[in-house]
N, C-alpha and C. Protein backbone atom coordinates (compact mmCIF):
# COMPACT_ATOMS: atom_id res chain seq x y z
N UNK A 1 190.43 279.05 110.63
CA UNK A 1 191.38 278.29 109.71
C UNK A 1 191.20 276.69 109.76
N UNK A 2 191.39 275.95 108.69
CA UNK A 2 191.21 274.60 108.86
C UNK A 2 192.36 273.93 109.31
N UNK A 3 192.25 272.81 109.49
CA UNK A 3 193.45 272.11 110.19
C UNK A 3 194.63 272.02 109.31
N UNK A 4 194.57 271.86 107.95
CA UNK A 4 195.51 271.87 107.06
C UNK A 4 196.26 273.13 106.85
N UNK A 5 195.46 274.22 107.22
CA UNK A 5 196.05 275.48 106.98
C UNK A 5 196.97 275.88 108.11
N UNK A 6 196.67 275.35 109.25
CA UNK A 6 197.55 275.40 110.41
C UNK A 6 198.88 274.91 110.13
N UNK A 7 198.99 273.82 109.39
CA UNK A 7 200.33 273.14 109.19
C UNK A 7 201.11 274.04 108.29
N UNK A 8 200.53 274.65 107.29
CA UNK A 8 201.22 275.53 106.43
C UNK A 8 201.66 276.69 107.11
N UNK A 9 201.03 277.06 108.08
CA UNK A 9 201.44 278.27 108.76
C UNK A 9 202.61 278.12 109.51
N UNK A 10 202.65 276.81 110.15
CA UNK A 10 203.88 276.65 110.99
C UNK A 10 205.18 276.38 110.15
N UNK A 11 205.13 276.06 108.88
CA UNK A 11 206.21 275.78 108.31
C UNK A 11 206.24 274.32 107.49
N UNK A 12 207.12 274.13 106.75
CA UNK A 12 207.06 272.87 105.97
C UNK A 12 207.55 271.83 106.94
N UNK A 13 206.75 270.69 106.83
CA UNK A 13 207.09 269.63 107.84
C UNK A 13 207.44 268.37 106.84
N UNK A 14 208.68 267.90 107.37
CA UNK A 14 209.22 266.67 106.60
C UNK A 14 208.89 265.50 107.45
N UNK A 15 208.08 265.47 108.34
CA UNK A 15 207.94 264.14 109.17
C UNK A 15 208.82 263.96 110.10
N UNK A 16 208.99 262.67 110.47
CA UNK A 16 209.85 262.27 111.57
C UNK A 16 211.26 262.48 111.29
N UNK A 17 211.66 262.84 109.97
CA UNK A 17 213.17 263.14 109.82
C UNK A 17 213.51 264.49 110.39
N UNK A 18 212.60 265.47 110.66
CA UNK A 18 213.01 266.66 111.31
C UNK A 18 213.49 266.46 112.69
N UNK A 19 214.45 267.13 113.27
CA UNK A 19 214.78 267.08 114.53
C UNK A 19 213.75 267.69 115.45
N UNK A 20 213.70 267.24 116.59
CA UNK A 20 212.75 267.53 117.65
C UNK A 20 212.81 269.07 118.14
N UNK A 21 214.24 269.53 118.01
CA UNK A 21 214.54 270.82 118.40
C UNK A 21 214.44 271.68 117.19
N UNK A 22 213.87 271.43 116.18
CA UNK A 22 213.72 272.40 114.95
C UNK A 22 214.86 272.62 114.03
N UNK A 23 215.98 271.93 114.26
CA UNK A 23 217.19 272.08 113.28
C UNK A 23 216.80 271.34 112.08
N UNK A 24 217.59 271.91 110.93
CA UNK A 24 217.26 271.18 109.67
C UNK A 24 218.08 269.89 109.57
N UNK A 25 217.71 268.91 108.87
CA UNK A 25 218.38 267.63 108.76
C UNK A 25 217.90 266.72 109.71
N UNK A 26 218.15 265.36 109.42
CA UNK A 26 217.79 264.35 110.36
C UNK A 26 218.78 264.25 111.49
N UNK A 27 220.09 264.60 111.31
CA UNK A 27 220.98 264.41 112.51
C UNK A 27 221.32 265.65 113.22
N UNK A 28 220.69 266.57 112.80
CA UNK A 28 220.92 267.89 113.54
C UNK A 28 221.88 268.98 112.89
N UNK A 29 222.29 268.45 111.79
CA UNK A 29 223.09 269.28 110.87
C UNK A 29 222.51 270.43 110.33
N UNK A 30 223.01 271.57 110.18
CA UNK A 30 222.50 272.76 109.65
C UNK A 30 222.55 272.85 108.21
N UNK A 31 223.46 272.10 107.62
CA UNK A 31 223.54 271.97 106.00
C UNK A 31 222.57 271.04 105.34
N UNK A 32 221.82 270.11 106.24
CA UNK A 32 220.74 269.18 105.64
C UNK A 32 221.33 267.97 105.08
N UNK A 33 222.49 267.68 105.12
CA UNK A 33 223.14 266.37 104.79
C UNK A 33 222.93 265.33 105.80
N UNK A 34 222.72 264.07 105.42
CA UNK A 34 222.46 263.11 106.33
C UNK A 34 223.65 262.22 106.54
N UNK A 35 223.92 261.84 107.67
CA UNK A 35 224.97 261.02 108.09
C UNK A 35 224.46 259.41 107.79
N UNK A 36 225.37 258.56 106.98
CA UNK A 36 224.93 257.35 106.67
C UNK A 36 225.06 256.53 108.06
N UNK A 37 224.15 255.69 108.16
CA UNK A 37 223.97 254.66 109.38
C UNK A 37 224.66 253.44 108.96
N UNK A 38 225.77 253.11 109.50
CA UNK A 38 226.60 251.96 109.10
C UNK A 38 225.86 250.62 109.65
N UNK A 39 225.02 250.81 110.67
CA UNK A 39 224.30 249.61 111.13
C UNK A 39 223.18 249.12 110.25
N UNK A 40 222.82 247.81 110.10
CA UNK A 40 221.96 247.33 109.33
C UNK A 40 220.49 247.67 109.92
N UNK A 41 219.76 248.35 109.18
CA UNK A 41 218.41 248.57 109.80
C UNK A 41 217.46 247.38 109.70
N UNK A 42 216.41 247.48 110.45
CA UNK A 42 215.48 246.17 110.59
C UNK A 42 214.73 246.07 109.29
N UNK A 43 214.50 247.21 108.48
CA UNK A 43 213.94 247.09 107.37
C UNK A 43 214.82 246.60 106.29
N UNK A 44 215.98 246.74 106.24
CA UNK A 44 216.92 246.06 105.27
C UNK A 44 217.05 244.61 105.60
N UNK A 45 217.13 244.44 106.94
CA UNK A 45 217.36 242.99 107.38
C UNK A 45 216.16 242.21 107.03
N UNK A 46 214.98 242.78 107.04
CA UNK A 46 213.77 242.02 106.77
C UNK A 46 213.73 241.78 105.06
N UNK A 47 214.12 242.82 104.39
CA UNK A 47 214.15 242.73 103.03
C UNK A 47 215.14 241.67 102.59
N UNK A 48 216.37 241.52 103.25
CA UNK A 48 217.38 240.60 102.83
C UNK A 48 216.81 239.29 103.27
N UNK A 49 216.16 239.00 104.33
CA UNK A 49 215.40 237.71 104.53
C UNK A 49 214.60 237.52 103.45
N UNK A 50 213.64 238.23 103.00
CA UNK A 50 212.62 238.14 102.18
C UNK A 50 213.32 237.61 100.82
N UNK A 51 214.31 238.42 100.41
CA UNK A 51 215.00 238.01 99.20
C UNK A 51 215.68 236.68 99.11
N UNK A 52 216.21 236.45 100.20
CA UNK A 52 217.01 235.15 100.37
C UNK A 52 215.67 234.08 100.42
N UNK A 53 214.73 234.08 101.03
CA UNK A 53 213.52 233.19 101.15
C UNK A 53 213.17 232.93 99.59
N UNK A 54 212.87 234.04 98.85
CA UNK A 54 212.53 233.81 97.52
C UNK A 54 213.50 233.21 96.66
N UNK A 55 214.69 233.58 96.85
CA UNK A 55 215.75 232.92 96.01
C UNK A 55 215.80 231.48 96.38
N UNK A 56 215.73 231.01 97.58
CA UNK A 56 215.92 229.64 98.08
C UNK A 56 214.60 228.92 97.59
N UNK A 57 213.45 229.44 97.78
CA UNK A 57 212.33 228.75 97.18
C UNK A 57 212.22 228.74 95.66
N UNK A 58 212.97 229.47 94.99
CA UNK A 58 212.92 229.39 93.36
C UNK A 58 214.00 228.49 93.00
N UNK A 59 215.21 228.20 93.76
CA UNK A 59 216.13 227.41 93.39
C UNK A 59 215.88 225.96 92.92
N UNK A 60 214.95 225.28 93.75
CA UNK A 60 214.69 223.89 93.40
C UNK A 60 213.88 223.75 92.27
N UNK A 61 212.68 224.54 92.21
CA UNK A 61 211.92 224.52 90.84
C UNK A 61 212.76 224.86 89.68
N UNK A 62 213.63 225.79 89.70
CA UNK A 62 214.57 226.11 88.62
C UNK A 62 215.44 224.94 88.23
N UNK A 63 215.94 224.49 89.21
CA UNK A 63 216.85 223.30 88.96
C UNK A 63 216.11 222.02 88.37
N UNK A 64 214.97 221.74 88.84
CA UNK A 64 214.06 220.66 88.34
C UNK A 64 213.71 220.92 86.89
N UNK A 65 213.37 222.28 86.67
CA UNK A 65 213.10 222.75 85.20
C UNK A 65 214.26 222.36 84.21
N UNK A 66 215.33 222.76 84.65
CA UNK A 66 216.53 222.69 83.84
C UNK A 66 216.78 221.07 83.69
N UNK A 67 216.56 220.32 84.66
CA UNK A 67 216.93 218.81 84.54
C UNK A 67 215.82 218.15 83.67
N UNK A 68 214.46 218.78 83.74
CA UNK A 68 213.53 218.31 82.74
C UNK A 68 213.78 218.56 81.32
N UNK A 69 214.25 219.90 81.14
CA UNK A 69 214.56 220.13 79.83
C UNK A 69 215.54 219.31 79.14
N UNK A 70 216.75 219.07 79.93
CA UNK A 70 217.67 218.12 79.47
C UNK A 70 217.17 216.70 79.22
N UNK A 71 216.35 216.20 80.09
CA UNK A 71 215.72 214.96 79.85
C UNK A 71 214.97 215.11 78.50
N UNK A 72 214.12 215.91 78.53
CA UNK A 72 213.38 215.97 77.18
C UNK A 72 214.18 215.97 75.90
N UNK A 73 215.21 216.94 75.98
CA UNK A 73 216.09 216.82 74.73
C UNK A 73 216.82 215.47 74.48
N UNK A 74 217.32 214.79 75.62
CA UNK A 74 217.53 213.31 75.54
C UNK A 74 216.84 212.33 74.91
N UNK A 75 215.46 212.54 75.41
CA UNK A 75 214.39 211.63 74.84
C UNK A 75 214.15 211.99 73.47
N UNK A 76 214.16 213.31 72.97
CA UNK A 76 213.91 213.45 71.71
C UNK A 76 215.08 213.06 70.67
N UNK A 77 216.13 213.00 71.25
CA UNK A 77 217.34 212.51 70.48
C UNK A 77 217.13 210.94 70.37
N UNK A 78 216.83 210.29 71.45
CA UNK A 78 216.55 208.84 71.36
C UNK A 78 215.44 208.60 70.50
N UNK A 79 214.36 209.51 70.41
CA UNK A 79 213.36 209.06 69.59
C UNK A 79 213.67 209.24 68.04
N UNK A 80 214.60 210.18 67.76
CA UNK A 80 214.91 210.19 66.43
C UNK A 80 215.84 209.19 65.98
N UNK A 81 216.63 208.50 66.96
CA UNK A 81 217.38 207.32 66.63
C UNK A 81 216.53 206.09 66.34
N UNK A 82 215.32 206.04 67.31
CA UNK A 82 214.49 205.04 67.32
C UNK A 82 213.76 205.01 65.89
N UNK A 83 213.42 206.23 65.63
CA UNK A 83 212.61 206.35 64.19
C UNK A 83 213.52 206.01 63.03
N UNK A 84 214.75 206.22 63.19
CA UNK A 84 215.74 205.89 62.08
C UNK A 84 215.95 204.41 61.91
N UNK A 85 215.74 203.78 63.20
CA UNK A 85 215.97 202.23 63.12
C UNK A 85 214.70 201.58 62.64
N UNK A 86 213.62 202.27 62.76
CA UNK A 86 212.25 201.76 62.51
C UNK A 86 212.21 201.88 60.87
N UNK A 87 212.74 202.94 60.29
CA UNK A 87 212.75 203.21 58.85
C UNK A 87 213.58 202.07 58.18
N UNK A 88 214.92 201.94 58.83
CA UNK A 88 215.78 200.81 58.39
C UNK A 88 215.13 199.41 58.37
N UNK A 89 214.46 199.25 59.48
CA UNK A 89 213.78 197.73 59.54
C UNK A 89 212.60 197.57 58.71
N UNK A 90 211.86 198.70 58.44
CA UNK A 90 210.85 198.62 57.47
C UNK A 90 211.28 198.43 56.06
N UNK A 91 212.46 199.10 55.76
CA UNK A 91 213.02 198.80 54.44
C UNK A 91 213.60 197.51 54.30
N UNK A 92 214.23 196.81 55.43
CA UNK A 92 214.62 195.42 55.35
C UNK A 92 213.44 194.55 55.18
N UNK A 93 212.34 194.86 55.87
CA UNK A 93 211.13 193.97 55.79
C UNK A 93 210.55 193.96 54.34
N UNK A 94 210.64 195.07 53.70
CA UNK A 94 210.13 195.20 52.37
C UNK A 94 211.21 194.49 51.46
N UNK A 95 212.42 194.51 51.58
CA UNK A 95 213.41 193.75 50.88
C UNK A 95 213.04 192.30 51.15
N UNK A 96 212.94 191.84 52.25
CA UNK A 96 212.66 190.52 52.50
C UNK A 96 211.50 189.91 51.98
N UNK A 97 210.33 190.84 51.74
CA UNK A 97 209.25 190.46 51.13
C UNK A 97 209.33 190.26 49.46
N UNK A 98 210.46 190.89 49.03
CA UNK A 98 210.63 190.73 47.55
C UNK A 98 210.97 189.27 47.23
N UNK A 99 210.47 188.70 46.47
CA UNK A 99 210.97 187.10 46.08
C UNK A 99 212.23 187.33 45.15
N UNK A 100 212.40 188.28 44.40
CA UNK A 100 213.71 188.04 43.78
C UNK A 100 214.86 188.27 44.47
N UNK A 101 214.76 189.28 45.65
CA UNK A 101 215.76 189.46 46.70
C UNK A 101 216.12 188.18 47.29
N UNK A 102 215.09 187.44 47.56
CA UNK A 102 215.29 186.08 48.46
C UNK A 102 216.06 185.28 47.59
N UNK A 103 215.67 185.02 46.34
CA UNK A 103 216.38 184.15 45.34
C UNK A 103 217.77 184.55 45.27
N UNK A 104 218.24 185.79 44.98
CA UNK A 104 219.60 186.37 44.77
C UNK A 104 220.30 185.89 46.05
N UNK A 105 219.79 186.28 47.26
CA UNK A 105 220.44 185.97 48.52
C UNK A 105 220.64 184.55 48.70
N UNK A 106 219.76 183.69 48.34
CA UNK A 106 219.93 182.16 48.48
C UNK A 106 220.91 181.85 47.69
N UNK A 107 221.02 182.24 46.33
CA UNK A 107 222.13 181.75 45.37
C UNK A 107 223.44 182.36 45.94
N UNK A 108 223.50 183.53 46.39
CA UNK A 108 224.82 184.03 46.68
C UNK A 108 225.45 183.61 48.00
N UNK A 109 224.53 183.54 49.07
CA UNK A 109 225.04 183.10 50.44
C UNK A 109 225.10 181.61 50.49
N UNK A 110 224.02 180.82 50.01
CA UNK A 110 223.84 179.58 50.47
C UNK A 110 224.22 178.58 49.31
N UNK A 111 224.45 179.09 48.11
CA UNK A 111 224.75 178.37 46.80
C UNK A 111 223.75 177.56 46.47
N UNK A 112 222.38 178.06 46.47
CA UNK A 112 221.25 177.33 45.97
C UNK A 112 221.12 177.63 44.53
N UNK A 113 220.70 176.62 43.84
CA UNK A 113 220.27 176.85 42.43
C UNK A 113 219.00 176.46 42.03
N UNK A 114 218.43 177.10 41.07
CA UNK A 114 217.01 176.91 40.65
C UNK A 114 217.14 175.40 39.89
N UNK A 115 216.07 174.78 39.92
CA UNK A 115 216.02 173.53 39.13
C UNK A 115 216.48 173.57 37.67
N UNK A 116 216.16 174.50 36.97
CA UNK A 116 216.36 174.58 35.47
C UNK A 116 217.64 175.16 35.29
N UNK A 117 218.61 175.53 36.30
CA UNK A 117 219.80 176.27 36.10
C UNK A 117 220.92 175.44 36.47
N UNK A 118 221.94 175.31 35.64
CA UNK A 118 223.25 174.74 36.01
C UNK A 118 224.08 175.51 36.80
N UNK A 119 224.52 175.13 37.97
CA UNK A 119 225.36 175.83 38.74
C UNK A 119 226.81 175.23 38.92
N UNK A 120 227.88 176.17 39.00
CA UNK A 120 229.18 175.55 38.97
C UNK A 120 229.86 176.19 40.22
N UNK A 121 230.72 175.43 40.70
CA UNK A 121 231.38 176.00 41.83
C UNK A 121 232.91 175.67 41.43
N UNK A 122 233.81 176.85 41.41
CA UNK A 122 235.07 176.70 41.06
C UNK A 122 235.97 176.28 42.19
N UNK A 123 236.85 175.18 42.10
CA UNK A 123 237.52 174.78 43.35
C UNK A 123 238.97 175.03 43.08
N UNK A 124 239.38 176.03 42.45
CA UNK A 124 240.89 176.38 42.37
C UNK A 124 241.32 177.05 43.48
N UNK A 125 242.47 177.70 43.50
CA UNK A 125 243.06 178.21 44.68
C UNK A 125 242.39 179.66 45.05
N UNK A 126 241.75 180.11 44.14
CA UNK A 126 241.08 181.46 44.27
C UNK A 126 239.89 181.35 45.14
N UNK A 127 239.19 180.24 45.20
CA UNK A 127 238.10 180.08 46.11
C UNK A 127 238.33 179.59 47.45
N UNK A 128 239.50 179.87 48.10
CA UNK A 128 239.93 179.31 49.28
C UNK A 128 239.31 180.05 50.46
N UNK A 129 238.22 180.58 50.24
CA UNK A 129 237.48 181.20 51.34
C UNK A 129 238.09 182.55 51.75
N UNK A 130 238.99 183.07 51.00
CA UNK A 130 239.58 184.48 51.43
C UNK A 130 240.91 184.22 52.32
N UNK A 131 241.44 183.01 52.29
CA UNK A 131 242.61 182.76 53.07
C UNK A 131 243.91 183.15 52.42
N UNK A 132 243.87 183.28 51.20
CA UNK A 132 245.10 183.79 50.50
C UNK A 132 245.21 185.16 50.52
N UNK A 133 246.42 185.76 50.46
CA UNK A 133 246.57 187.19 50.54
C UNK A 133 246.21 187.82 49.25
N UNK A 134 245.73 188.88 49.46
CA UNK A 134 245.43 189.71 48.21
C UNK A 134 246.88 190.46 47.84
N UNK A 135 246.89 190.89 46.66
CA UNK A 135 248.20 191.54 46.09
C UNK A 135 248.47 192.81 47.11
N UNK A 136 249.65 192.89 47.43
CA UNK A 136 250.00 193.91 48.31
C UNK A 136 249.58 193.73 49.80
N UNK A 137 248.82 192.82 50.22
CA UNK A 137 248.28 192.68 51.47
C UNK A 137 249.29 191.78 52.27
N UNK A 138 249.05 191.39 53.54
CA UNK A 138 249.72 190.54 54.22
C UNK A 138 249.70 189.18 53.87
N UNK A 139 250.85 188.41 54.05
CA UNK A 139 250.90 187.00 53.51
C UNK A 139 250.09 186.15 54.35
N UNK A 140 249.60 185.09 53.76
CA UNK A 140 248.77 184.17 54.75
C UNK A 140 249.61 183.50 55.62
N UNK A 141 249.03 182.93 56.67
CA UNK A 141 249.77 182.12 57.66
C UNK A 141 249.80 180.69 57.16
N UNK A 142 250.99 180.17 57.36
CA UNK A 142 251.18 178.64 57.07
C UNK A 142 250.33 177.68 57.97
N UNK A 143 250.16 176.59 57.59
CA UNK A 143 249.36 175.58 58.42
C UNK A 143 250.08 175.57 59.81
N UNK A 144 249.45 174.90 60.81
CA UNK A 144 249.97 174.73 62.00
C UNK A 144 251.17 173.81 62.07
N UNK A 145 250.94 172.75 61.33
CA UNK A 145 252.12 171.63 61.41
C UNK A 145 253.41 172.31 60.89
N UNK A 146 253.36 173.32 60.01
CA UNK A 146 254.63 173.85 59.43
C UNK A 146 255.27 174.70 60.54
N UNK A 147 254.37 175.49 61.10
CA UNK A 147 254.85 176.36 62.33
C UNK A 147 255.43 175.48 63.35
N UNK A 148 254.80 174.28 63.67
CA UNK A 148 255.48 173.37 64.71
C UNK A 148 256.84 173.00 64.35
N UNK A 149 256.78 172.40 63.04
CA UNK A 149 258.00 171.84 62.60
C UNK A 149 259.12 172.84 62.53
N UNK A 150 258.98 174.04 62.16
CA UNK A 150 259.91 175.13 62.18
C UNK A 150 260.33 175.41 63.65
N UNK A 151 259.54 175.40 64.51
CA UNK A 151 259.81 175.76 65.99
C UNK A 151 260.60 174.44 66.46
N UNK A 152 260.56 173.10 66.12
CA UNK A 152 261.34 172.13 66.32
C UNK A 152 262.68 172.40 65.93
N UNK A 153 262.79 172.65 64.60
CA UNK A 153 264.06 172.84 63.83
C UNK A 153 264.84 173.92 64.56
N UNK A 154 264.28 174.92 64.79
CA UNK A 154 264.98 176.27 65.61
C UNK A 154 265.35 175.91 66.89
N UNK A 155 264.72 174.99 67.44
CA UNK A 155 265.27 174.44 68.82
C UNK A 155 266.32 173.76 68.81
N UNK A 156 266.58 173.03 67.77
CA UNK A 156 267.69 171.93 67.67
C UNK A 156 269.01 172.77 67.28
N UNK A 157 268.78 173.91 66.62
CA UNK A 157 270.08 174.72 66.36
C UNK A 157 270.65 175.32 67.72
N UNK A 158 272.12 175.10 67.53
CA UNK A 158 272.92 175.81 68.64
C UNK A 158 272.93 177.49 68.47
N UNK A 159 272.85 178.05 69.60
CA UNK A 159 272.86 179.46 69.79
C UNK A 159 274.18 179.96 69.49
């Protein structure tokens, strides 16, 4: 007989789990159930160390990856804001390059007039530079000397 046939003749072999005395089961029980080993085996300890090492080695790169993604998102937002500002400034540059716009602004802001045009400035109470109150708005403040005189008068009155 061959060597493999000898093993079959002896009976099924489960390897090192069989008891040395030929009983069924790893712990010598006849019903074949295994008793749980409460102690941590060396294989489980090595597996736990390897899993912890992998987790620790991946923690820093993952954290850096997340931080870089956040930074990229912030930079994209800043880029969008900068692009909007560039568009606004380009429109402003185009406006300032228009001769008619410059003339309108010079007339409106600086009160310039073209040589052939007669310009008038109205000096009534309405052109007070916005110091008078609008209808329904707060009243304008009196001049400083009136306020001073009122405070002097109020100080002379008995309490």
